[in-house]
Protein backbone atom coordinates (compact mmCIF):
# COMPACT_ATOMS: atom_id res chain seq x y z
CA MET A 1 0.12 -0.25 0.10
CA ALA A 2 1.16 3.33 -0.88
CA ASN A 3 2.15 5.89 1.66
CA LYS A 4 1.34 9.73 1.79
CA HIS A 5 4.72 10.69 0.72
CA GLU A 6 4.83 8.73 -2.35
CA VAL A 7 1.61 10.08 -3.34
CA LEU A 8 2.92 13.53 -2.91
CA ASN A 9 6.11 13.05 -4.48
CA VAL A 10 4.39 11.56 -7.79
CA PHE A 11 2.07 14.51 -7.77
CA ASP A 12 4.78 17.14 -7.27
CA ARG A 13 6.64 15.59 -10.03
CA ASN A 14 3.79 15.06 -12.30
CA PRO A 15 1.14 17.44 -11.24
CA GLN A 16 -0.61 17.05 -14.67
CA LEU A 17 -1.64 13.42 -13.72
CA SER A 18 -5.26 12.34 -12.58
CA SER A 19 -5.98 10.71 -9.20
CA SER A 20 -6.64 7.61 -11.31
CA GLU A 21 -2.97 7.81 -12.87
CA ILE A 22 -1.23 8.42 -9.48
CA ALA A 23 -2.91 5.63 -7.79
CA GLU A 24 -1.76 3.06 -10.62
CA ARG A 25 1.71 4.37 -10.26
CA VAL A 26 1.92 3.97 -6.25
CA GLY A 27 -0.42 1.30 -5.91
CA CYS A 28 -3.56 2.37 -4.09
CA LYS A 29 -7.10 3.78 -4.89
CA PRO A 30 -7.84 7.03 -6.43
CA GLU A 31 -9.83 7.82 -3.46
CA TYR A 32 -6.82 7.71 -1.15
CA VAL A 33 -4.73 9.88 -3.77
CA ARG A 34 -7.57 12.66 -3.74
CA ALA A 35 -7.86 12.43 0.18
CA THR A 36 -3.96 12.76 0.91
CA LEU A 37 -3.85 15.41 -1.78
CA GLN A 38 -6.57 17.41 -0.10
CA ARG A 39 -5.34 16.95 3.40
CA ASN A 40 -1.85 18.15 2.32
CA GLY A 41 -2.78 21.37 0.78
CA ARG A 42 -2.76 19.90 -2.83
CA THR A 43 -5.14 20.28 -5.67
CA LEU A 44 -5.81 18.42 -8.85
CA HIS A 45 -6.09 20.71 -11.83
CA ARG A 46 -7.44 18.54 -14.11
CA SER A 47 -9.81 19.33 -17.04
CA PRO A 48 -10.81 18.03 -20.41
CA GLY A 49 -8.28 20.43 -22.16
CA ASN A 50 -5.51 18.86 -20.33
CA ALA A 51 -6.53 15.24 -20.39
CA SER A 52 -3.48 12.92 -20.94
CA PRO A 53 -3.07 10.94 -24.26
CA LEU A 54 -4.16 7.54 -22.52
CA GLN A 55 -7.43 9.29 -21.16
CA LEU A 56 -8.14 10.67 -24.51
CA ARG A 57 -7.55 7.33 -26.26
CA GLU A 58 -9.87 5.61 -23.72
CA THR A 59 -12.48 8.24 -24.08
CA ALA A 60 -12.50 7.87 -27.86
CA LYS A 61 -12.96 3.99 -27.48
CA SER A 62 -15.80 4.46 -25.21
CA LEU A 63 -17.43 6.78 -27.43
CA ARG A 64 -16.92 4.51 -30.64
CA ASP A 65 -18.30 1.85 -28.61
CA LYS A 66 -21.47 3.91 -27.85
CA ALA A 67 -21.75 5.02 -31.44
CA ALA A 68 -21.68 1.40 -32.65
CA VAL A 69 -24.54 0.45 -30.26
CA LEU A 70 -26.61 3.56 -31.24
CA GLU A 71 -26.29 2.65 -34.95
CA ALA A 72 -27.19 -0.82 -34.54
CA ARG A 73 -30.16 0.34 -32.75
CA ALA A 74 -30.97 2.79 -35.68
CA ASP A 75 -30.47 -0.11 -38.14
CA ALA A 76 -32.81 -2.35 -36.11
CA ILE A 77 -35.53 0.27 -36.24
CA GLU A 78 -35.28 1.11 -39.75
CA ALA A 79 -34.95 -2.63 -40.99
CA PRO A 80 -38.31 -3.87 -42.57
CA ASP A 81 -40.11 -6.62 -40.75
CA ALA A 82 -39.38 -9.85 -42.51
């Protein structure tokens, strides 16, 4: 389990990381990262405009998957009854 010093060290060196990314690096839960940062006066500065490439790829994949489901539903509605 990560300790607060590991979390703070990773955050201070990489302030652009999300709580999930920090948690993955140090081996804990994102909730622990957020609580530790808050207790120690650190603030996550994340917005969609500065998402990591990994987050952007994951979001793009999720949107493609959702689009495929919606297209299949539309095709089913448009298909004539056989």
